[in-house]
C-alpha atoms as a PDB file:
ATOM      1  CA  MET A   1     -14.681 -16.569  -0.431  1.00  0.00           C
ATOM      2  CA  GLU A   2     -17.674 -15.744  -1.188  1.00  0.00           C
ATOM      3  CA  LYS A   3     -18.513 -12.525  -1.573  1.00  0.00           C
ATOM      4  CA  ASN A   4     -19.770  -9.925   1.011  1.00  0.00           C
ATOM      5  CA  VAL A   5     -20.954  -6.945  -0.800  1.00  0.00           C
ATOM      6  CA  ASP A   6     -23.842  -4.590   0.922  1.00  0.00           C
ATOM      7  CA  PRO A   7     -23.870  -1.316  -1.638  1.00  0.00           C
ATOM      8  CA  ARG A   8     -25.831   0.408   1.377  1.00  0.00           C
ATOM      9  CA  ASN A   9     -22.775   0.624   3.218  1.00  0.00           C
ATOM     10  CA  LEU A  10     -20.898   1.826   0.226  1.00  0.00           C
ATOM     11  CA  SER A  11     -19.467   5.405   0.840  1.00  0.00           C
ATOM     12  CA  ALA A  12     -16.439   7.717   0.029  1.00  0.00           C
ATOM     13  CA  ALA A  13     -15.106   6.129   2.825  1.00  0.00           C
ATOM     14  CA  SER A  14     -15.285   2.554   1.414  1.00  0.00           C
ATOM     15  CA  TYR A  15     -11.751   2.901  -1.209  1.00  0.00           C
ATOM     16  CA  ALA A  16     -10.027   5.336   1.472  1.00  0.00           C
ATOM     17  CA  SER A  17      -6.910   4.202   2.871  1.00  0.00           C
ATOM     18  CA  ARG A  18      -6.392   3.052   6.675  1.00  0.00           C
ATOM     19  CA  LYS A  19     -10.265   3.128   6.692  1.00  0.00           C
ATOM     20  CA  GLU A  20     -12.495   1.646   9.981  1.00  0.00           C
ATOM     21  CA  PRO A  21     -12.651  -1.726   8.216  1.00  0.00           C
ATOM     22  CA  GLU A  22     -15.873  -2.509   7.153  1.00  0.00           C
ATOM     23  CA  PHE A  23     -14.971  -5.891   5.911  1.00  0.00           C
ATOM     24  CA  MET A  24     -17.507  -6.448   2.334  1.00  0.00           C
ATOM     25  CA  CYS A  25     -15.156  -8.187  -0.061  1.00  0.00           C
ATOM     26  CA  HIS A  26     -15.997  -9.703  -3.348  1.00  0.00           C
ATOM     27  CA  ARG A  27     -15.327 -13.052  -4.441  1.00  0.00           C
ATOM     28  CA  LEU A  28     -11.619 -14.334  -3.520  1.00  0.00           C
ATOM     29  CA  VAL A  29     -10.180 -17.195  -4.755  1.00  0.00           C
ATOM     30  CA  ARG A  30      -6.735 -18.831  -4.784  1.00  0.00           C
ATOM     31  CA  CYS A  31      -4.416 -20.045  -7.415  1.00  0.00           C
ATOM     32  CA  GLU A  32      -2.969 -23.100  -6.781  1.00  0.00           C
ATOM     33  CA  THR A  33       0.235 -22.347  -8.594  1.00  0.00           C
ATOM     34  CA  CYS A  34       1.158 -19.064  -7.418  1.00  0.00           C
ATOM     35  CA  ASP A  35      -0.613 -19.074  -4.225  1.00  0.00           C
ATOM     36  CA  LEU A  36      -2.082 -15.546  -4.709  1.00  0.00           C
ATOM     37  CA  VAL A  37      -5.601 -15.286  -3.533  1.00  0.00           C
ATOM     38  CA  TYR A  38      -7.879 -12.841  -5.722  1.00  0.00           C
ATOM     39  CA  VAL A  39     -11.166 -11.326  -7.275  1.00  0.00           C
ATOM     40  CA  ASP A  40     -11.982 -13.650  -9.947  1.00  0.00           C
ATOM     41  CA  GLN A  41     -14.510 -11.276 -11.005  1.00  0.00           C
ATOM     42  CA  PRO A  42     -12.980  -7.715 -10.774  1.00  0.00           C
ATOM     43  CA  PRO A  43     -14.461  -4.551 -10.923  1.00  0.00           C
ATOM     44  CA  SER A  44     -13.981  -2.724 -14.205  1.00  0.00           C
ATOM     45  CA  ALA A  45     -10.592  -0.647 -14.278  1.00  0.00           C
ATOM     46  CA  SER A  46     -12.954   2.895 -14.999  1.00  0.00           C
ATOM     47  CA  THR A  47     -15.884   1.922 -12.033  1.00  0.00           C
ATOM     48  CA  LEU A  48     -12.212   1.498  -9.888  1.00  0.00           C
ATOM     49  CA  ALA A  49     -10.741   4.522 -11.865  1.00  0.00           C
ATOM     50  CA  THR A  50     -13.653   6.404 -10.455  1.00  0.00           C
ATOM     51  CA  ALA A  51     -14.202   4.553  -6.829  1.00  0.00           C
ATOM     52  CA  TYR A  52     -10.005   5.439  -6.120  1.00  0.00           C
ATOM     53  CA  HIS A  53     -10.675   9.654  -7.438  1.00  0.00           C
ATOM     54  CA  ASP A  54     -13.777  10.165  -5.372  1.00  0.00           C
ATOM     55  CA  ALA A  55     -12.469   8.453  -1.852  1.00  0.00           C
ATOM     56  CA  SER A  56     -12.081  10.257   1.347  1.00  0.00           C
ATOM     57  CA  TYR A  57      -8.897  10.769   3.201  1.00  0.00           C
ATOM     58  CA  ASP A  58      -8.729  11.360   6.600  1.00  0.00           C
ATOM     59  CA  SER A  59      -5.171   9.935   7.547  1.00  0.00           C
ATOM     60  CA  GLU A  60      -2.710  12.220   7.691  1.00  0.00           C
ATOM     61  CA  ASP A  61      -0.595  10.942  11.293  1.00  0.00           C
ATOM     62  CA  GLU A  62      -0.882   7.375   9.826  1.00  0.00           C
ATOM     63  CA  ALA A  63       0.419   8.481   6.777  1.00  0.00           C
ATOM     64  CA  ALA A  64       3.115  10.011   8.118  1.00  0.00           C
ATOM     65  CA  ASP A  65       3.784   6.752  10.739  1.00  0.00           C
ATOM     66  CA  ALA A  66       4.103   4.124   7.483  1.00  0.00           C
ATOM     67  CA  ALA A  67       6.466   6.618   5.800  1.00  0.00           C
ATOM     68  CA  GLU A  68       8.584   6.823   8.194  1.00  0.00           C
ATOM     69  CA  ILE A  69       8.845   3.246   9.000  1.00  0.00           C
ATOM     70  CA  TYR A  70       8.687   1.564   5.600  1.00  0.00           C
ATOM     71  CA  PHE A  71      11.624   4.237   4.487  1.00  0.00           C
ATOM     72  CA  GLN A  72      13.625   2.834   7.747  1.00  0.00           C
ATOM     73  CA  SER A  73      12.786  -0.832   6.471  1.00  0.00           C
ATOM     74  CA  MET A  74      14.433   0.092   3.328  1.00  0.00           C
ATOM     75  CA  ARG A  75      17.713   1.558   4.153  1.00  0.00           C
ATOM     76  CA  SER A  76      19.602  -1.074   3.496  1.00  0.00           C
ATOM     77  CA  THR A  77      17.785  -0.918  -0.010  1.00  0.00           C
ATOM     78  CA  LEU A  78      18.795   2.260  -0.800  1.00  0.00           C
ATOM     79  CA  MET A  79      22.870   1.836   0.289  1.00  0.00           C
ATOM     80  CA  ARG A  80      22.304   0.070  -2.854  1.00  0.00           C
ATOM     81  CA  LEU A  81      21.543   1.859  -5.419  1.00  0.00           C
ATOM     82  CA  ARG A  82      23.648   3.334  -8.053  1.00  0.00           C
ATOM     83  CA  GLN A  83      22.708   6.688  -7.416  1.00  0.00           C
ATOM     84  CA  ARG A  84      19.851   8.520  -6.055  1.00  0.00           C
ATOM     85  CA  GLU A  85      18.233  10.573  -8.953  1.00  0.00           C
ATOM     86  CA  ASP A  86      14.670   9.760 -10.165  1.00  0.00           C
ATOM     87  CA  ALA A  87      12.140   8.068  -7.361  1.00  0.00           C
ATOM     88  CA  LEU A  88       8.373   7.396  -8.534  1.00  0.00           C
ATOM     89  CA  GLU A  89       5.927   6.320  -5.416  1.00  0.00           C
ATOM     90  CA  ILE A  90       2.568   5.013  -7.394  1.00  0.00           C
ATOM     91  CA  GLY A  91      -0.092   5.198  -5.020  1.00  0.00           C
ATOM     92  CA  ALA A  92       1.497   8.373  -3.001  1.00  0.00           C
ATOM     93  CA  GLY A  93      -1.549   9.661  -1.092  1.00  0.00           C
ATOM     94  CA  SER A  94      -0.716  12.987   0.612  1.00  0.00           C
ATOM     95  CA  GLY A  95       3.203  12.587  -0.253  1.00  0.00           C
ATOM     96  CA  ALA A  96       4.538  11.478   3.263  1.00  0.00           C
ATOM     97  CA  PHE A  97       7.113   9.254   1.512  1.00  0.00           C
ATOM     98  CA  LEU A  98       8.097  11.535  -1.180  1.00  0.00           C
ATOM     99  CA  LYS A  99       9.738  14.037   1.116  1.00  0.00           C
ATOM    100  CA  GLN A 100      11.350  10.991   2.760  1.00  0.00           C
ATOM    101  CA  LEU A 101      12.877  10.352  -0.749  1.00  0.00           C
ATOM    102  CA  ALA A 102      13.825  14.310  -0.802  1.00  0.00           C
ATOM    103  CA  ASP A 103      15.476  14.469   1.978  1.00  0.00           C
ATOM    104  CA  SER A 104      17.308  11.475   1.612  1.00  0.00           C
ATOM    105  CA  GLY A 105      19.186  13.125  -1.760  1.00  0.00           C
ATOM    106  CA  PHE A 106      17.129  12.277  -4.771  1.00  0.00           C
ATOM    107  CA  THR A 107      16.741  14.889  -6.731  1.00  0.00           C
ATOM    108  CA  ARG A 108      13.922  14.314  -8.466  1.00  0.00           C
ATOM    109  CA  VAL A 109      10.911  12.953  -7.010  1.00  0.00           C
ATOM    110  CA  THR A 110       6.997  12.172  -8.658  1.00  0.00           C
ATOM    111  CA  GLY A 111       3.585  10.239  -6.907  1.00  0.00           C
ATOM    112  CA  ILE A 112       1.329   9.597  -8.751  1.00  0.00           C
ATOM    113  CA  GLU A 113      -2.876   9.259  -6.808  1.00  0.00           C
ATOM    114  CA  PRO A 114      -5.834   8.675  -8.362  1.00  0.00           C
ATOM    115  CA  SER A 115      -7.637  10.481  -4.792  1.00  0.00           C
ATOM    116  CA  VAL A 116      -8.277  14.149  -5.410  1.00  0.00           C
ATOM    117  CA  ALA A 117      -8.875  14.524  -1.959  1.00  0.00           C
ATOM    118  CA  ALA A 118      -5.672  13.412  -0.413  1.00  0.00           C
ATOM    119  CA  ILE A 119      -3.682  15.731  -3.031  1.00  0.00           C
ATOM    120  CA  SER A 120      -6.087  18.511  -1.401  1.00  0.00           C
ATOM    121  CA  ALA A 121      -4.383  17.057   1.999  1.00  0.00           C
ATOM    122  CA  ALA A 122      -0.666  17.290   0.670  1.00  0.00           C
ATOM    123  CA  PRO A 123       1.371  20.249   2.261  1.00  0.00           C
ATOM    124  CA  ALA A 124       2.138  22.865  -0.300  1.00  0.00           C
ATOM    125  CA  ALA A 125       5.584  22.026  -0.901  1.00  0.00           C
ATOM    126  CA  VAL A 126       5.178  18.058  -1.150  1.00  0.00           C
ATOM    127  CA  ARG A 127       2.479  19.121  -3.638  1.00  0.00           C
ATOM    128  CA  PRO A 128       4.300  20.003  -7.189  1.00  0.00           C
ATOM    129  CA  TRP A 129       5.640  16.397  -7.070  1.00  0.00           C
ATOM    130  CA  LEU A 130       2.445  14.763  -7.226  1.00  0.00           C
ATOM    131  CA  ARG A 131      -0.347  13.592  -9.830  1.00  0.00           C
ATOM    132  CA  GLN A 132      -3.566  13.401 -10.173  1.00  0.00           C
ATOM    133  CA  GLY A 133      -4.078   9.994 -11.931  1.00  0.00           C
ATOM    134  CA  ILE A 134      -3.744   6.091 -12.468  1.00  0.00           C
ATOM    135  CA  PHE A 135      -0.188   5.197 -13.109  1.00  0.00           C
ATOM    136  CA  ILE A 136       0.344   4.708 -16.686  1.00  0.00           C
ATOM    137  CA  GLU A 137       3.261   2.894 -17.746  1.00  0.00           C
ATOM    138  CA  ALA A 138       3.495   5.249 -21.143  1.00  0.00           C
ATOM    139  CA  ASP A 139       3.577   8.489 -19.322  1.00  0.00           C
ATOM    140  CA  TYR A 140       7.124   7.972 -18.364  1.00  0.00           C
ATOM    141  CA  PRO A 141      10.534   7.180 -20.826  1.00  0.00           C
ATOM    142  CA  PRO A 142      11.969   3.863 -20.928  1.00  0.00           C
ATOM    143  CA  ALA A 143      14.196   3.749 -18.084  1.00  0.00           C
ATOM    144  CA  SER A 144      13.911   6.925 -16.103  1.00  0.00           C
ATOM    145  CA  PHE A 145      14.095   5.539 -12.664  1.00  0.00           C
ATOM    146  CA  ASP A 146      16.520   4.352 -10.468  1.00  0.00           C
ATOM    147  CA  LEU A 147      13.529   3.877  -7.773  1.00  0.00           C
ATOM    148  CA  ILE A 148       9.966   2.936  -7.790  1.00  0.00           C
ATOM    149  CA  CYS A 149       7.895   2.212  -4.680  1.00  0.00           C
ATOM    150  CA  CYS A 150       4.385   0.851  -4.791  1.00  0.00           C
ATOM    151  CA  PHE A 151       3.437   0.702  -0.612  1.00  0.00           C
ATOM    152  CA  MET A 152      -0.011  -1.043  -0.202  1.00  0.00           C
ATOM    153  CA  THR A 153      -1.250  -0.451  -3.749  1.00  0.00           C
ATOM    154  CA  LEU A 154      -0.586  -3.913  -5.285  1.00  0.00           C
ATOM    155  CA  GLU A 155      -3.434  -5.264  -3.897  1.00  0.00           C
ATOM    156  CA  HIS A 156      -6.002  -2.575  -5.337  1.00  0.00           C
ATOM    157  CA  VAL A 157      -5.071  -3.345  -8.950  1.00  0.00           C
ATOM    158  CA  PRO A 158      -6.911  -6.520 -11.231  1.00  0.00           C
ATOM    159  CA  ASP A 159      -3.753  -7.052 -12.675  1.00  0.00           C
ATOM    160  CA  PRO A 160      -0.201  -6.822 -10.143  1.00  0.00           C
ATOM    161  CA  LYS A 161       2.327  -8.102 -13.408  1.00  0.00           C
ATOM    162  CA  ILE A 162       1.027  -5.333 -15.198  1.00  0.00           C
ATOM    163  CA  ILE A 163       2.369  -3.200 -13.197  1.00  0.00           C
ATOM    164  CA  ALA A 164       5.400  -5.340 -11.628  1.00  0.00           C
ATOM    165  CA  SER A 165       6.467  -5.119 -15.288  1.00  0.00           C
ATOM    166  CA  ALA A 166       6.107  -1.856 -16.253  1.00  0.00           C
ATOM    167  CA  CYS A 167       7.933  -0.793 -13.215  1.00  0.00           C
ATOM    168  CA  CYS A 168      11.008  -3.005 -14.576  1.00  0.00           C
ATOM    169  CA  ALA A 169      10.657  -1.394 -17.833  1.00  0.00           C
ATOM    170  CA  LEU A 170      11.008   2.256 -16.279  1.00  0.00           C
ATOM    171  CA  LEU A 171      13.757   1.407 -14.301  1.00  0.00           C
ATOM    172  CA  ARG A 172      17.250   1.617 -15.483  1.00  0.00           C
ATOM    173  CA  PRO A 173      20.144  -1.327 -15.101  1.00  0.00           C
ATOM    174  CA  GLY A 174      20.529  -1.548 -11.062  1.00  0.00           C
ATOM    175  CA  GLY A 175      17.410   0.582 -10.075  1.00  0.00           C
ATOM    176  CA  VAL A 176      15.024  -1.329  -7.607  1.00  0.00           C
ATOM    177  CA  PHE A 177      11.351  -1.830  -7.401  1.00  0.00           C
ATOM    178  CA  VAL A 178      10.060  -1.995  -3.697  1.00  0.00           C
ATOM    179  CA  THR A 179       6.417  -3.184  -2.595  1.00  0.00           C
ATOM    180  CA  VAL A 180       4.726  -3.236   0.576  1.00  0.00           C
ATOM    181  CA  THR A 181       1.768  -5.663   0.863  1.00  0.00           C
ATOM    182  CA  HIS A 182      -0.277  -7.395   3.167  1.00  0.00           C
ATOM    183  CA  ASP A 183       0.331 -11.356   3.851  1.00  0.00           C
ATOM    184  CA  TYR A 184      -2.588 -13.510   4.672  1.00  0.00           C
ATOM    185  CA  ARG A 185      -0.654 -16.284   5.218  1.00  0.00           C
ATOM    186  CA  SER A 186       0.541 -14.131   8.813  1.00  0.00           C
ATOM    187  CA  VAL A 187      -0.295 -15.988  12.080  1.00  0.00           C
ATOM    188  CA  VAL A 188      -2.625 -12.120  12.848  1.00  0.00           C
ATOM    189  CA  ASN A 189      -4.592 -12.807   9.234  1.00  0.00           C
ATOM    190  CA  ARG A 190      -4.991 -16.643   9.783  1.00  0.00           C
ATOM    191  CA  ILE A 191      -6.472 -15.735  13.388  1.00  0.00           C
ATOM    192  CA  LEU A 192      -8.943 -13.265  12.405  1.00  0.00           C
ATOM    193  CA  GLY A 193      -9.788 -14.720   9.413  1.00  0.00           C
ATOM    194  CA  ARG A 194     -13.286 -13.148   8.005  1.00  0.00           C
ATOM    195  CA  ARG A 195     -12.129 -10.294  10.529  1.00  0.00           C
ATOM    196  CA  SER A 196      -9.308  -9.583   9.107  1.00  0.00           C
ATOM    197  CA  PRO A 197      -9.060  -6.041   7.949  1.00  0.00           C
ATOM    198  CA  ILE A 198      -7.065  -6.630   5.101  1.00  0.00           C
ATOM    199  CA  ILE A 199     -10.607  -8.566   3.458  1.00  0.00           C
ATOM    200  CA  ASP A 200     -12.078  -5.616   2.072  1.00  0.00           C
ATOM    201  CA  ILE A 201     -13.472  -4.326  -0.936  1.00  0.00           C
ATOM    202  CA  GLU A 202     -10.348  -2.487  -2.416  1.00  0.00           C
ATOM    203  CA  HIS A 203      -8.459  -5.570  -2.338  1.00  0.00           C
ATOM    204  CA  MET A 204      -8.406  -6.980  -5.780  1.00  0.00           C
ATOM    205  CA  GLN A 205      -5.316  -9.061  -4.863  1.00  0.00           C
ATOM    206  CA  LEU A 206      -3.383 -10.425  -1.095  1.00  0.00           C
ATOM    207  CA  PHE A 207      -0.239 -11.632  -1.557  1.00  0.00           C
ATOM    208  CA  SER A 208       1.402 -14.094   0.678  1.00  0.00           C
ATOM    209  CA  GLY A 209       5.496 -14.138   1.031  1.00  0.00           C
ATOM    210  CA  ARG A 210       5.782 -16.748  -1.411  1.00  0.00           C
ATOM    211  CA  SER A 211       3.420 -15.008  -3.958  1.00  0.00           C
ATOM    212  CA  ILE A 212       4.685 -11.941  -4.136  1.00  0.00           C
ATOM    213  CA  ARG A 213       8.753 -13.127  -4.575  1.00  0.00           C
ATOM    214  CA  GLU A 214       6.785 -14.847  -7.949  1.00  0.00           C
ATOM    215  CA  LEU A 215       5.233 -11.944  -9.170  1.00  0.00           C
ATOM    216  CA  PHE A 216       9.093  -9.882  -8.758  1.00  0.00           C
ATOM    217  CA  GLU A 217      10.499 -13.399 -10.527  1.00  0.00           C
ATOM    218  CA  ARG A 218       8.252 -14.072 -13.539  1.00  0.00           C
ATOM    219  CA  THR A 219       8.807  -9.736 -14.198  1.00  0.00           C
ATOM    220  CA  GLY A 220      12.722  -9.526 -14.460  1.00  0.00           C
ATOM    221  CA  PHE A 221      13.314  -8.812 -11.205  1.00  0.00           C
ATOM    222  CA  SER A 222      16.421 -10.283  -9.845  1.00  0.00           C
ATOM    223  CA  ASN A 223      18.176 -10.411  -6.056  1.00  0.00           C
ATOM    224  CA  VAL A 224      14.545 -10.714  -4.475  1.00  0.00           C
ATOM    225  CA  THR A 225      14.166 -10.369  -0.499  1.00  0.00           C
ATOM    226  CA  VAL A 226      10.638 -10.668   0.689  1.00  0.00           C
ATOM    227  CA  ALA A 227      10.932  -9.979   4.938  1.00  0.00           C
ATOM    228  CA  PRO A 228       7.928  -9.054   7.443  1.00  0.00           C
ATOM    229  CA  PHE A 229       8.305  -5.516   9.115  1.00  0.00           C
ATOM    230  CA  ALA A 230       6.559  -4.321  12.487  1.00  0.00           C
ATOM    231  CA  ASN A 231       4.610  -0.457  11.855  1.00  0.00           C
ATOM    232  CA  ARG A 232       3.907   1.505  14.426  1.00  0.00           C
ATOM    233  CA  TYR A 233       0.970   3.038  14.685  1.00  0.00           C
ATOM    234  CA  ALA A 234      -0.781   5.743  17.594  1.00  0.00           C
ATOM    235  CA  LEU A 235      -3.815   2.931  19.824  1.00  0.00           C
ATOM    236  CA  LYS A 236      -6.297   4.766  18.514  1.00  0.00           C
ATOM    237  CA  TYR A 237      -5.488   3.671  14.644  1.00  0.00           C
ATOM    238  CA  TRP A 238      -4.625   0.148  16.093  1.00  0.00           C
ATOM    239  CA  LEU A 239      -8.021   0.024  17.912  1.00  0.00           C
ATOM    240  CA  ARG A 240      -9.792   0.786  14.476  1.00  0.00           C
ATOM    241  CA  LEU A 241      -8.559  -1.649  12.870  1.00  0.00           C
ATOM    242  CA  THR A 242      -9.988  -4.332  14.781  1.00  0.00           C
ATOM    243  CA  PRO A 243     -13.049  -6.212  14.706  1.00  0.00           C
ATOM    244  CA  LEU A 244     -14.791  -5.428  18.109  1.00  0.00           C
ATOM    245  CA  PRO A 245     -18.356  -4.058  17.909  1.00  0.00           C
ATOM    246  CA  ARG A 246     -18.198  -0.315  17.243  1.00  0.00           C
ATOM    247  CA  ALA A 247     -19.808  -0.082  20.544  1.00  0.00           C
ATOM    248  CA  LEU A 248     -17.116  -1.075  21.920  1.00  0.00           C
ATOM    249  CA  LYS A 249     -14.410   0.813  19.988  1.00  0.00           C
ATOM    250  CA  GLN A 250     -16.000   4.370  20.807  1.00  0.00           C
ATOM    251  CA  SER A 251     -15.791   3.001  24.707  1.00  0.00           C
ATOM    252  CA  VAL A 252     -12.325   1.951  24.772  1.00  0.00           C
ATOM    253  CA  ALA A 253     -11.399   4.987  22.803  1.00  0.00           C
ATOM    254  CA  ALA A 254     -12.911   7.224  25.006  1.00  0.00           C
ATOM    255  CA  LEU A 255     -11.134   5.459  27.645  1.00  0.00           C
ATOM    256  CA  LEU A 256      -7.533   5.989  25.972  1.00  0.00           C
ATOM    257  CA  ALA A 257      -8.278   9.277  24.747  1.00  0.00           C
ATOM    258  CA  ALA A 258      -8.825   9.857  29.050  1.00  0.00           C
ATOM    259  CA  LEU A 259      -5.695   8.478  29.882  1.00  0.00           C
ATOM    260  CA  GLY A 260      -4.159  10.435  27.416  1.00  0.00           C
ATOM    261  CA  LEU A 261      -2.971   7.340  25.922  1.00  0.00           C
ATOM    262  CA  ASP A 262      -4.656   7.400  22.707  1.00  0.00           C
ATOM    263  CA  ARG A 263      -1.643   8.845  21.005  1.00  0.00           C
ATOM    264  CA  LYS A 264       0.974   6.362  22.385  1.00  0.00           C
ATOM    265  CA  LYS A 265       3.002   4.444  19.601  1.00  0.00           C
ATOM    266  CA  LEU A 266       2.989   1.382  19.285  1.00  0.00           C
ATOM    267  CA  ALA A 267       4.737  -1.323  16.844  1.00  0.00           C
ATOM    268  CA  VAL A 268       3.871  -4.420  15.827  1.00  0.00           C
ATOM    269  CA  ASN A 269       4.193  -7.193  13.490  1.00  0.00           C
ATOM    270  CA  VAL A 270       1.074  -7.440  11.348  1.00  0.00           C
ATOM    271  CA  GLY A 271       1.765  -9.957   9.245  1.00  0.00           C
ATOM    272  CA  ASN A 272       2.580  -7.132   6.294  1.00  0.00           C
ATOM    273  CA  VAL A 273       5.680  -7.820   3.963  1.00  0.00           C
ATOM    274  CA  ILE A 274       8.291  -5.425   2.526  1.00  0.00           C
ATOM    275  CA  ALA A 275       9.739  -7.366  -1.184  1.00  0.00           C
ATOM    276  CA  THR A 276      12.492  -5.309  -2.980  1.00  0.00           C
ATOM    277  CA  GLY A 277      14.095  -6.396  -6.436  1.00  0.00           C
ATOM    278  CA  ILE A 278      16.479  -5.429  -8.291  1.00  0.00           C
ATOM    279  CA  LYS A 279      16.661  -4.419 -12.351  1.00  0.00           C
ATOM    280  CA  PRO A 280      19.417  -6.439 -13.953  1.00  0.00           C
ATOM    281  CA  GLY A 281      22.272  -4.704 -15.662  1.00  0.00           C
END
């Protein structure tokens, strides 16, 4: 897929989570060996770090919905943990999922998040758990976590193998790495094609079930599982993601609000997958 970026349309929202789709992207190619789709000439790490640092944030309701469904989807994984001492979330946003982990019995929870706006939106009780910046392995001692989560974040980095390898090193033996990623081979994404919300300037990678499994296995994880799940969001958010013309979306949004249906929540499998892997030992 060829590059499609109009600098005039870039804004602080371009690198924000759960934004209205812009359908811009860098040039994407597919690896015939592992099935990963990736940007072959990505922006520099410093450029991306600045973009995410300056990104806006306006998705607190959706963040809470996502945290709830992610936690439900990994309940069986949590039951396999040897202990619930230390957990890390990479790309933690405003910390909604950290609250879920703390409430489930983890002694210490830490989130790393580049967006200043997202951290500013965090509840006062959660904010001390958040660190502003990008994930760097050297910032944490080896074998210091029981659980590391990375939700809708691996697609945003130039080299996900570096992240996955670092997570394996930072986990204690028996610790678990959990990711949520898009599946570009899902029915929904194949039907929408270039008009799928996953075609986005933020995405340096697009995974399939096969490629995310290979990433886990190549970076040292065992007992790897990859499974689809249903996201549950309000109708107004699902509408935001559609490729309908903006004027039509605004009309439908007004109708939903008038009928009192805009906040009605609907669970839909749109092609996202949750992957888990255990550090051997």
